[in-house]
Amino acid sequence: IPDGIREVIGKRLNRLSEPCGQTLAVASVIGREFSLPELVLLIDHMSEERLFDALEEAVAARVIDELSQSVDRYEFTHALIRETLSDELTGGRRARLHRRIGEAMEQLYAANLEAHLAQLSHHFFESHQVGAADEAVKYSTRAAQRQMALAAYEEATRRYEMALQALKFKEPDETNQRCDLLVGLGEAQNKAGQHLRARETFQIAASAAKRLGYFESLTDAVLGLEEVNWRPGLSDPNTVSL
């Protein structure tokens, strides 16, 4: 954000009360949209009534708007306002907030986690270095699988890459889980039209699975390689075989 714009936004935010500023700082990490129930779980030193007062103050100041189509849901009036609030937090504080937000969402949306997999993946990935690596791998993988089912292959690719990065932080050595994620990534890349990247990913998966003796993943990787190599101009004499 340009310094001049940041300064103007900062002056606007400084006119808000301290409880309002604290509430908005947490909301900025949740995302462009957020809800009162989420804030109630995250800001335990403020009652629901005080939080509502803080939100009303922010609405009056045109920092946030109440969403008309749902009760107790809000959005920042501009992405730059949210970014300014979030950037004022230290990296460690922001990462820990992401973890708490993910845990709050698990609790709030337990009956319908499928609809919130992308958010859960995001928040736990952003906190995978502060104790949420398991959750980051789990929800990023589930989000990737959901995107594959929806034919959103580029997004599925991104989610598989997030799962692999979080898994590397948790388990730096080769594992069966890593092989499965690599196969999933290769399939997503191939479906997204990234055929050369898919071939490289399948080759890495096949080599790792062969070293581990994980023949189920090895089979999937070799089949993926064969599918990629059927495309004109992509024939590879070094394809791994069973």
Protein backbone atom coordinates (compact mmCIF):
# COMPACT_ATOMS: atom_id res chain seq x y z
CA ILE A 1 0.00 0.00 0.00
CA PRO A 2 1.48 3.43 -0.92
CA ASP A 3 2.61 5.37 2.16
CA GLY A 4 0.29 8.30 1.46
CA ILE A 5 -2.78 6.08 1.26
CA ARG A 6 -1.68 4.11 4.32
CA GLU A 7 -1.32 7.35 6.27
CA VAL A 8 -4.80 8.55 5.30
CA ILE A 9 -6.35 5.20 6.23
CA GLY A 10 -4.37 5.15 9.48
CA LYS A 11 -5.70 8.57 10.50
CA ARG A 12 -9.23 7.41 9.78
CA LEU A 13 -8.78 4.28 11.87
CA ASN A 14 -7.13 6.18 14.73
CA ARG A 15 -10.36 8.08 15.29
CA LEU A 16 -12.08 4.86 16.33
CA SER A 17 -12.27 3.73 19.96
CA GLU A 18 -9.78 1.17 21.27
CA PRO A 19 -12.36 -1.67 21.51
CA CYS A 20 -13.45 -0.95 17.94
CA GLY A 21 -9.84 -0.98 16.72
CA GLN A 22 -9.11 -4.27 18.48
CA THR A 23 -12.23 -5.85 17.01
CA LEU A 24 -11.36 -4.71 13.50
CA ALA A 25 -7.78 -5.96 13.82
CA VAL A 26 -9.04 -9.49 14.51
CA ALA A 27 -11.68 -9.20 11.78
CA SER A 28 -9.01 -8.18 9.27
CA VAL A 29 -7.29 -11.55 9.69
CA ILE A 30 -10.56 -13.43 9.21
CA GLY A 31 -10.92 -11.91 5.75
CA ARG A 32 -12.87 -9.39 3.70
CA GLU A 33 -16.07 -10.80 5.21
CA PHE A 34 -16.57 -11.89 8.81
CA SER A 35 -19.35 -12.54 11.31
CA LEU A 36 -20.25 -11.59 14.86
CA PRO A 37 -20.32 -15.25 16.05
CA GLU A 38 -16.75 -15.68 14.81
CA LEU A 39 -15.62 -12.62 16.74
CA VAL A 40 -17.41 -13.79 19.90
CA LEU A 41 -15.27 -16.95 19.91
CA LEU A 42 -12.08 -15.06 19.14
CA ILE A 43 -12.33 -12.01 21.42
CA ASP A 44 -13.23 -13.54 24.76
CA HIS A 45 -12.55 -10.44 26.85
CA MET A 46 -15.46 -8.58 25.23
CA SER A 47 -19.12 -9.50 25.60
CA GLU A 48 -21.31 -9.97 22.54
CA GLU A 49 -23.02 -6.66 23.33
CA ARG A 50 -19.70 -4.78 23.46
CA LEU A 51 -18.61 -6.38 20.22
CA PHE A 52 -21.86 -5.35 18.60
CA ASP A 53 -21.32 -1.78 19.80
CA ALA A 54 -17.82 -1.82 18.31
CA LEU A 55 -19.16 -3.08 14.99
CA GLU A 56 -21.88 -0.43 14.93
CA GLU A 57 -19.20 2.21 15.51
CA ALA A 58 -17.20 0.85 12.57
CA VAL A 59 -20.32 0.82 10.36
CA ALA A 60 -21.05 4.44 11.28
CA ALA A 61 -17.48 5.35 10.37
CA ARG A 62 -17.89 3.61 6.97
CA VAL A 63 -15.04 1.24 7.71
CA ILE A 64 -17.28 -1.81 7.40
CA ASP A 65 -20.77 -2.51 6.03
CA GLU A 66 -23.41 -4.90 7.28
CA LEU A 67 -24.30 -7.47 4.64
CA SER A 68 -27.96 -7.17 3.79
CA GLN A 69 -28.46 -10.78 2.74
CA SER A 70 -27.49 -12.27 6.12
CA VAL A 71 -27.71 -11.37 9.81
CA ASP A 72 -24.57 -10.52 11.82
CA ARG A 73 -22.26 -10.67 8.79
CA TYR A 74 -20.08 -7.75 7.76
CA GLU A 75 -17.49 -6.82 5.16
CA PHE A 76 -14.77 -4.18 4.98
CA THR A 77 -15.73 -1.30 2.73
CA HIS A 78 -12.35 -1.50 1.01
CA ALA A 79 -9.64 -4.14 0.80
CA LEU A 80 -6.97 -1.50 1.58
CA ILE A 81 -8.55 -0.85 4.98
CA ARG A 82 -8.40 -4.53 5.84
CA GLU A 83 -4.81 -4.82 4.60
CA THR A 84 -3.75 -1.80 6.66
CA LEU A 85 -5.24 -3.29 9.83
CA SER A 86 -3.70 -6.71 9.17
CA ASP A 87 -0.27 -5.27 8.34
CA GLU A 88 -0.12 -3.53 11.72
CA LEU A 89 0.01 -6.93 13.45
CA THR A 90 3.32 -8.73 13.88
CA GLY A 91 3.83 -11.89 11.84
CA GLY A 92 3.72 -14.11 14.92
CA ARG A 93 0.54 -12.50 16.21
CA ARG A 94 -1.12 -12.80 12.81
CA ALA A 95 -0.13 -16.48 12.46
CA ARG A 96 -1.55 -17.33 15.89
CA LEU A 97 -4.74 -15.48 15.06
CA HIS A 98 -5.07 -17.54 11.89
CA ARG A 99 -4.84 -20.70 13.98
CA ARG A 100 -7.48 -19.49 16.43
CA ILE A 101 -9.73 -18.48 13.55
CA GLY A 102 -9.42 -21.92 12.01
CA GLU A 103 -10.27 -23.57 15.33
CA ALA A 104 -13.25 -21.24 15.78
CA MET A 105 -14.52 -22.11 12.31
CA GLU A 106 -14.19 -25.83 13.05
CA GLN A 107 -16.44 -25.27 16.04
CA LEU A 108 -18.95 -22.96 14.36
CA TYR A 109 -19.32 -24.90 11.11
CA ALA A 110 -18.88 -28.46 12.37
CA ALA A 111 -22.16 -29.51 10.75
CA ASN A 112 -21.10 -28.30 7.30
CA LEU A 113 -17.32 -28.15 7.02
CA GLU A 114 -17.39 -28.89 3.28
CA ALA A 115 -18.67 -25.38 2.53
CA HIS A 116 -15.77 -23.85 4.48
CA LEU A 117 -12.83 -26.00 3.39
CA ALA A 118 -11.14 -23.18 1.47
CA GLN A 119 -11.24 -20.89 4.51
CA LEU A 120 -10.04 -23.63 6.85
CA SER A 121 -7.23 -24.48 4.45
CA HIS A 122 -6.18 -20.82 4.28
CA HIS A 123 -6.20 -20.13 8.02
CA PHE A 124 -4.42 -23.32 9.05
CA PHE A 125 -1.86 -22.97 6.26
CA GLU A 126 -1.08 -19.43 7.41
CA SER A 127 -0.44 -20.87 10.89
CA HIS A 128 1.27 -24.15 9.96
CA GLN A 129 4.54 -22.90 11.45
CA VAL A 130 2.94 -22.25 14.85
CA GLY A 131 1.50 -25.69 15.56
CA ALA A 132 -1.19 -26.15 12.90
CA ALA A 133 0.72 -28.23 10.33
CA ASP A 134 -1.55 -31.27 10.76
CA GLU A 135 -4.67 -29.20 10.20
CA ALA A 136 -3.08 -27.37 7.26
CA VAL A 137 -2.31 -30.66 5.50
CA LYS A 138 -5.75 -32.10 6.25
CA TYR A 139 -7.86 -29.16 5.13
CA SER A 140 -5.69 -28.22 2.17
CA THR A 141 -5.96 -31.80 0.92
CA ARG A 142 -9.73 -31.86 1.41
CA ALA A 143 -10.06 -28.48 -0.27
CA ALA A 144 -7.99 -29.74 -3.22
CA GLN A 145 -10.16 -32.84 -3.58
CA ARG A 146 -13.30 -30.70 -3.49
CA GLN A 147 -11.92 -28.39 -6.17
CA MET A 148 -11.06 -31.40 -8.34
CA ALA A 149 -14.67 -32.57 -8.06
CA LEU A 150 -15.81 -29.09 -9.10
CA ALA A 151 -13.38 -29.09 -12.08
CA ALA A 152 -11.55 -26.09 -10.56
CA TYR A 153 -8.19 -27.62 -11.43
CA GLU A 154 -5.94 -24.57 -11.02
CA GLU A 155 -7.31 -23.99 -7.52
CA ALA A 156 -6.89 -27.69 -6.74
CA THR A 157 -3.25 -27.39 -7.84
CA ARG A 158 -2.71 -24.52 -5.42
CA ARG A 159 -4.29 -26.41 -2.53
CA TYR A 160 -2.19 -29.53 -3.14
CA GLU A 161 0.93 -27.33 -3.19
CA MET A 162 -0.12 -25.83 0.15
CA ALA A 163 -0.63 -29.30 1.63
CA LEU A 164 2.81 -30.40 0.46
CA GLN A 165 4.47 -27.30 1.89
CA ALA A 166 2.80 -27.79 5.27
CA LEU A 167 3.68 -31.49 5.25
CA LYS A 168 7.33 -30.67 4.57
CA PHE A 169 7.35 -28.47 7.68
CA LYS A 170 5.86 -31.33 9.70
CA GLU A 171 7.68 -34.28 8.10
CA PRO A 172 10.72 -33.27 6.02
CA ASP A 173 11.48 -36.87 4.96
CA GLU A 174 9.63 -38.84 2.29
CA THR A 175 6.37 -40.44 3.45
CA ASN A 176 3.48 -42.34 1.88
CA GLN A 177 1.31 -39.29 2.50
CA ARG A 178 3.70 -37.12 0.50
CA CYS A 179 3.55 -39.61 -2.38
CA ASP A 180 -0.25 -39.48 -2.38
CA LEU A 181 -0.22 -35.68 -2.37
CA LEU A 182 2.26 -35.61 -5.26
CA VAL A 183 0.02 -37.91 -7.28
CA GLY A 184 -2.95 -35.65 -6.52
CA LEU A 185 -0.93 -32.60 -7.54
CA GLY A 186 0.12 -34.26 -10.79
CA GLU A 187 -3.49 -35.09 -11.62
CA ALA A 188 -4.58 -31.52 -10.92
CA GLN A 189 -1.73 -30.07 -12.99
CA ASN A 190 -2.53 -32.37 -15.89
CA LYS A 191 -6.24 -31.45 -15.79
CA ALA A 192 -5.28 -27.77 -15.62
CA GLY A 193 -3.26 -28.11 -18.82
CA GLN A 194 0.12 -27.89 -17.05
CA HIS A 195 1.35 -31.08 -18.71
CA LEU A 196 5.11 -30.59 -18.39
CA ARG A 197 4.78 -29.76 -14.69
CA ALA A 198 2.46 -32.75 -14.24
CA ARG A 199 5.01 -35.09 -15.84
CA GLU A 200 7.74 -33.82 -13.52
CA THR A 201 5.46 -34.21 -10.47
CA PHE A 202 4.46 -37.76 -11.43
CA GLN A 203 8.14 -38.67 -11.92
CA ILE A 204 9.00 -37.35 -8.44
CA ALA A 205 6.04 -39.24 -6.96
CA ALA A 206 6.96 -42.48 -8.73
CA SER A 207 10.61 -42.30 -7.67
CA ALA A 208 9.68 -41.58 -4.04
CA ALA A 209 7.04 -44.32 -3.93
CA LYS A 210 9.49 -46.82 -5.44
CA ARG A 211 12.10 -46.01 -2.78
CA LEU A 212 9.48 -46.44 -0.04
CA GLY A 213 8.03 -49.61 -1.52
CA TYR A 214 4.64 -47.90 -1.65
CA PHE A 215 3.29 -49.70 -4.69
CA GLU A 216 -0.24 -48.27 -4.64
CA SER A 217 1.06 -44.73 -5.11
CA LEU A 218 3.73 -45.97 -7.54
CA THR A 219 1.02 -47.49 -9.71
CA ASP A 220 -1.03 -44.27 -9.68
CA ALA A 221 2.06 -42.21 -10.55
CA VAL A 222 3.02 -44.46 -13.47
CA LEU A 223 -0.53 -44.41 -14.82
CA GLY A 224 -0.48 -40.62 -14.53
CA LEU A 225 2.80 -40.50 -16.45
CA GLU A 226 1.40 -42.67 -19.20
CA GLU A 227 -1.62 -40.40 -19.53
CA VAL A 228 0.60 -37.32 -19.79
CA ASN A 229 2.97 -38.95 -22.28
CA TRP A 230 0.15 -39.88 -24.64
CA ARG A 231 -0.02 -36.20 -25.57
CA PRO A 232 1.81 -35.24 -28.80
CA GLY A 233 5.31 -33.98 -28.18
CA LEU A 234 5.47 -35.18 -24.57
CA SER A 235 6.83 -38.69 -25.06
CA ASP A 236 9.52 -39.41 -22.48
CA PRO A 237 11.84 -42.44 -22.82
CA ASN A 238 12.75 -42.14 -19.13
CA THR A 239 9.23 -42.85 -17.84
CA VAL A 240 9.37 -44.87 -14.63
CA SER A 241 7.95 -48.39 -15.03
CA LEU A 242 6.63 -50.84 -12.48
